[in-house]
Amino acid sequence: MPNTKSAERRMRNSERKRQHNRAILSRLRKHEKGLRDAVNAGKKADATKTLPDVHSVIDKAVKSGVITRAAANRKKSRLTIAANRSK
């Protein structure tokens, strides 16, 4: 347990930020998984349709500081390559 009032506040803020980051990461993983499922199922039309949505979710995660810009660029690149490779 925290010993000071400021430590108590930090604990509350940390928990709130942790929940916020988890929500954003969960949303990111859900969209990424949807795209990967479309690619694996061979649905190129669905994959290319959902790609901009996934890019948007990734950019929003960067904007809120959940993932770094480099990680986002790497994810977007790999997902785009996968979507283009699908049949």
N, C-alpha and C. Protein backbone atom coordinates (compact mmCIF):
# COMPACT_ATOMS: atom_id res chain seq x y z
N MET A 1 0.84 -1.19 0.00
CA MET A 1 0.00 0.00 0.00
C MET A 1 0.88 1.25 0.00
N PRO A 2 0.38 2.31 -0.63
CA PRO A 2 1.17 3.54 -0.68
C PRO A 2 1.26 4.20 0.70
N ASN A 3 2.37 4.86 0.92
CA ASN A 3 2.59 5.51 2.22
C ASN A 3 2.22 6.98 2.22
N THR A 4 2.18 7.62 1.06
CA THR A 4 1.89 9.05 0.99
C THR A 4 0.70 9.31 0.07
N LYS A 5 0.17 10.51 0.19
CA LYS A 5 -0.97 10.88 -0.66
C LYS A 5 -0.58 10.90 -2.13
N SER A 6 0.62 11.39 -2.40
CA SER A 6 1.05 11.46 -3.81
C SER A 6 1.24 10.05 -4.39
N ALA A 7 1.72 9.13 -3.56
CA ALA A 7 1.86 7.75 -4.01
C ALA A 7 0.50 7.13 -4.28
N GLU A 8 -0.49 7.50 -3.47
CA GLU A 8 -1.86 7.02 -3.69
C GLU A 8 -2.39 7.52 -5.03
N ARG A 9 -2.17 8.79 -5.30
CA ARG A 9 -2.62 9.38 -6.57
C ARG A 9 -1.92 8.70 -7.74
N ARG A 10 -0.62 8.49 -7.62
CA ARG A 10 0.11 7.83 -8.69
C ARG A 10 -0.43 6.43 -8.93
N MET A 11 -0.78 5.74 -7.87
CA MET A 11 -1.33 4.39 -8.00
C MET A 11 -2.66 4.42 -8.77
N ARG A 12 -3.51 5.39 -8.42
CA ARG A 12 -4.80 5.51 -9.12
C ARG A 12 -4.58 5.86 -10.59
N ASN A 13 -3.69 6.81 -10.84
CA ASN A 13 -3.42 7.21 -12.23
C ASN A 13 -2.81 6.07 -13.03
N SER A 14 -1.89 5.34 -12.41
CA SER A 14 -1.25 4.23 -13.10
C SER A 14 -2.26 3.17 -13.49
N GLU A 15 -3.18 2.88 -12.60
CA GLU A 15 -4.20 1.86 -12.89
C GLU A 15 -5.12 2.33 -14.03
N ARG A 16 -5.51 3.61 -13.99
CA ARG A 16 -6.37 4.15 -15.04
C ARG A 16 -5.67 4.09 -16.39
N LYS A 17 -4.38 4.47 -16.43
CA LYS A 17 -3.63 4.43 -17.67
C LYS A 17 -3.41 3.00 -18.16
N ARG A 18 -3.20 2.08 -17.22
CA ARG A 18 -3.03 0.67 -17.59
C ARG A 18 -4.28 0.14 -18.26
N GLN A 19 -5.44 0.45 -17.70
CA GLN A 19 -6.70 0.01 -18.29
C GLN A 19 -6.90 0.61 -19.68
N HIS A 20 -6.55 1.89 -19.84
CA HIS A 20 -6.68 2.57 -21.13
C HIS A 20 -5.77 1.91 -22.17
N ASN A 21 -4.52 1.65 -21.79
CA ASN A 21 -3.58 1.03 -22.71
C ASN A 21 -4.02 -0.38 -23.08
N ARG A 22 -4.54 -1.13 -22.12
CA ARG A 22 -5.02 -2.49 -22.40
C ARG A 22 -6.17 -2.47 -23.40
N ALA A 23 -7.07 -1.50 -23.26
CA ALA A 23 -8.20 -1.40 -24.18
C ALA A 23 -7.72 -1.12 -25.59
N ILE A 24 -6.76 -0.22 -25.72
CA ILE A 24 -6.25 0.13 -27.04
C ILE A 24 -5.52 -1.06 -27.66
N LEU A 25 -4.69 -1.75 -26.87
CA LEU A 25 -3.97 -2.93 -27.39
C LEU A 25 -4.93 -4.04 -27.77
N SER A 26 -5.98 -4.21 -26.99
CA SER A 26 -6.97 -5.25 -27.29
C SER A 26 -7.66 -4.95 -28.62
N ARG A 27 -8.02 -3.69 -28.83
CA ARG A 27 -8.66 -3.28 -30.07
C ARG A 27 -7.71 -3.49 -31.25
N LEU A 28 -6.45 -3.16 -31.04
CA LEU A 28 -5.44 -3.33 -32.08
C LEU A 28 -5.28 -4.80 -32.45
N ARG A 29 -5.18 -5.66 -31.46
CA ARG A 29 -5.01 -7.09 -31.71
C ARG A 29 -6.24 -7.68 -32.40
N LYS A 30 -7.43 -7.21 -32.01
CA LYS A 30 -8.67 -7.71 -32.62
C LYS A 30 -8.70 -7.38 -34.11
N HIS A 31 -8.37 -6.15 -34.47
CA HIS A 31 -8.37 -5.75 -35.87
C HIS A 31 -7.27 -6.48 -36.66
N GLU A 32 -6.11 -6.61 -36.04
CA GLU A 32 -5.01 -7.30 -36.69
C GLU A 32 -5.36 -8.76 -36.94
N LYS A 33 -6.01 -9.39 -35.97
CA LYS A 33 -6.40 -10.79 -36.11
C LYS A 33 -7.45 -10.94 -37.21
N GLY A 34 -8.38 -9.99 -37.30
CA GLY A 34 -9.39 -10.04 -38.35
C GLY A 34 -8.77 -9.98 -39.73
N LEU A 35 -7.77 -9.12 -39.87
CA LEU A 35 -7.07 -9.02 -41.16
C LEU A 35 -6.31 -10.30 -41.47
N ARG A 36 -5.60 -10.84 -40.47
CA ARG A 36 -4.85 -12.08 -40.68
C ARG A 36 -5.78 -13.24 -41.03
N ASP A 37 -6.95 -13.29 -40.39
CA ASP A 37 -7.92 -14.35 -40.70
C ASP A 37 -8.40 -14.24 -42.14
N ALA A 38 -8.65 -13.00 -42.59
CA ALA A 38 -9.09 -12.80 -43.97
C ALA A 38 -8.00 -13.22 -44.95
N VAL A 39 -6.75 -12.91 -44.62
CA VAL A 39 -5.62 -13.29 -45.48
C VAL A 39 -5.49 -14.81 -45.53
N ASN A 40 -5.56 -15.45 -44.37
CA ASN A 40 -5.41 -16.91 -44.31
C ASN A 40 -6.57 -17.63 -44.99
N ALA A 41 -7.75 -17.02 -44.98
CA ALA A 41 -8.90 -17.63 -45.64
C ALA A 41 -8.88 -17.39 -47.14
N GLY A 42 -7.95 -16.56 -47.60
CA GLY A 42 -7.84 -16.30 -49.03
C GLY A 42 -8.84 -15.27 -49.54
N LYS A 43 -9.37 -14.45 -48.65
CA LYS A 43 -10.34 -13.42 -49.03
C LYS A 43 -9.61 -12.10 -49.26
N LYS A 44 -9.05 -11.95 -50.44
CA LYS A 44 -8.26 -10.76 -50.74
C LYS A 44 -9.12 -9.49 -50.69
N ALA A 45 -10.35 -9.58 -51.14
CA ALA A 45 -11.22 -8.41 -51.13
C ALA A 45 -11.47 -7.91 -49.71
N ASP A 46 -11.74 -8.85 -48.80
CA ASP A 46 -11.95 -8.47 -47.40
C ASP A 46 -10.68 -7.92 -46.78
N ALA A 47 -9.55 -8.54 -47.12
CA ALA A 47 -8.26 -8.11 -46.56
C ALA A 47 -7.94 -6.68 -46.99
N THR A 48 -8.12 -6.38 -48.28
CA THR A 48 -7.81 -5.03 -48.75
C THR A 48 -8.82 -4.02 -48.24
N LYS A 49 -10.03 -4.48 -47.96
CA LYS A 49 -11.05 -3.57 -47.43
C LYS A 49 -10.78 -3.21 -45.97
N THR A 50 -10.28 -4.16 -45.19
CA THR A 50 -10.05 -3.90 -43.77
C THR A 50 -8.67 -3.30 -43.49
N LEU A 51 -7.78 -3.31 -44.47
CA LEU A 51 -6.43 -2.80 -44.26
C LEU A 51 -6.40 -1.33 -43.81
N PRO A 52 -7.16 -0.42 -44.43
CA PRO A 52 -7.14 0.97 -43.95
C PRO A 52 -7.65 1.12 -42.52
N ASP A 53 -8.62 0.29 -42.13
CA ASP A 53 -9.12 0.33 -40.76
C ASP A 53 -8.03 -0.08 -39.76
N VAL A 54 -7.29 -1.11 -40.12
CA VAL A 54 -6.21 -1.59 -39.26
C VAL A 54 -5.12 -0.53 -39.15
N HIS A 55 -4.79 0.11 -40.27
CA HIS A 55 -3.79 1.17 -40.25
C HIS A 55 -4.24 2.32 -39.35
N SER A 56 -5.52 2.64 -39.39
CA SER A 56 -6.06 3.70 -38.56
C SER A 56 -5.94 3.36 -37.08
N VAL A 57 -6.27 2.12 -36.73
CA VAL A 57 -6.19 1.69 -35.33
C VAL A 57 -4.73 1.73 -34.86
N ILE A 58 -3.82 1.32 -35.72
CA ILE A 58 -2.40 1.35 -35.36
C ILE A 58 -1.94 2.79 -35.14
N ASP A 59 -2.34 3.69 -36.03
CA ASP A 59 -1.95 5.10 -35.89
C ASP A 59 -2.52 5.72 -34.61
N LYS A 60 -3.73 5.33 -34.24
CA LYS A 60 -4.32 5.85 -33.00
C LYS A 60 -3.58 5.31 -31.77
N ALA A 61 -3.09 4.09 -31.86
CA ALA A 61 -2.31 3.53 -30.75
C ALA A 61 -0.99 4.29 -30.59
N VAL A 62 -0.40 4.71 -31.71
CA VAL A 62 0.83 5.51 -31.64
C VAL A 62 0.53 6.88 -31.05
N LYS A 63 -0.57 7.46 -31.50
CA LYS A 63 -0.93 8.80 -31.05
C LYS A 63 -1.14 8.85 -29.54
N SER A 64 -1.67 7.79 -28.97
CA SER A 64 -1.89 7.77 -27.52
C SER A 64 -0.68 7.23 -26.76
N GLY A 65 0.38 6.85 -27.48
CA GLY A 65 1.62 6.44 -26.83
C GLY A 65 1.67 5.00 -26.39
N VAL A 66 0.76 4.17 -26.88
CA VAL A 66 0.73 2.77 -26.47
C VAL A 66 1.83 1.97 -27.16
N ILE A 67 2.06 2.24 -28.45
CA ILE A 67 3.16 1.61 -29.16
C ILE A 67 4.00 2.71 -29.80
N THR A 68 5.24 2.37 -30.14
CA THR A 68 6.12 3.37 -30.74
C THR A 68 5.85 3.49 -32.24
N ARG A 69 6.31 4.57 -32.83
CA ARG A 69 6.12 4.80 -34.25
C ARG A 69 6.82 3.72 -35.07
N ALA A 70 8.00 3.30 -34.64
CA ALA A 70 8.74 2.27 -35.38
C ALA A 70 7.98 0.94 -35.36
N ALA A 71 7.43 0.58 -34.22
CA ALA A 71 6.66 -0.66 -34.12
C ALA A 71 5.43 -0.59 -35.01
N ALA A 72 4.80 0.59 -35.04
CA ALA A 72 3.61 0.77 -35.88
C ALA A 72 3.96 0.63 -37.35
N ASN A 73 5.05 1.26 -37.75
CA ASN A 73 5.45 1.17 -39.16
C ASN A 73 5.77 -0.27 -39.55
N ARG A 74 6.41 -0.99 -38.64
CA ARG A 74 6.75 -2.39 -38.91
C ARG A 74 5.48 -3.22 -39.04
N LYS A 75 4.52 -3.02 -38.14
CA LYS A 75 3.25 -3.76 -38.20
C LYS A 75 2.51 -3.45 -39.50
N LYS A 76 2.42 -2.16 -39.84
CA LYS A 76 1.69 -1.77 -41.05
C LYS A 76 2.34 -2.36 -42.28
N SER A 77 3.65 -2.35 -42.32
CA SER A 77 4.36 -2.90 -43.47
C SER A 77 4.10 -4.39 -43.62
N ARG A 78 4.22 -5.12 -42.53
CA ARG A 78 4.04 -6.57 -42.59
C ARG A 78 2.60 -6.94 -42.91
N LEU A 79 1.66 -6.20 -42.38
CA LEU A 79 0.25 -6.49 -42.67
C LEU A 79 -0.09 -6.18 -44.13
N THR A 80 0.47 -5.10 -44.65
CA THR A 80 0.24 -4.74 -46.05
C THR A 80 0.82 -5.80 -46.97
N ILE A 81 2.02 -6.26 -46.66
CA ILE A 81 2.64 -7.31 -47.48
C ILE A 81 1.79 -8.59 -47.44
N ALA A 82 1.30 -8.93 -46.26
CA ALA A 82 0.47 -10.13 -46.12
C ALA A 82 -0.83 -9.98 -46.90
N ALA A 83 -1.45 -8.80 -46.83
CA ALA A 83 -2.71 -8.58 -47.55
C ALA A 83 -2.49 -8.64 -49.06
N ASN A 84 -1.38 -8.10 -49.53
CA ASN A 84 -1.09 -8.11 -50.97
C ASN A 84 -0.73 -9.51 -51.45
N ARG A 85 -0.20 -10.33 -50.56
CA ARG A 85 0.22 -11.67 -50.94
C ARG A 85 -0.95 -12.65 -50.99
N SER A 86 -2.07 -12.28 -50.33
CA SER A 86 -3.20 -13.21 -50.31
C SER A 86 -3.78 -13.38 -51.72
N LYS A 87 -4.40 -14.52 -51.93
CA LYS A 87 -4.88 -14.86 -53.28
C LYS A 87 -6.25 -14.31 -53.54
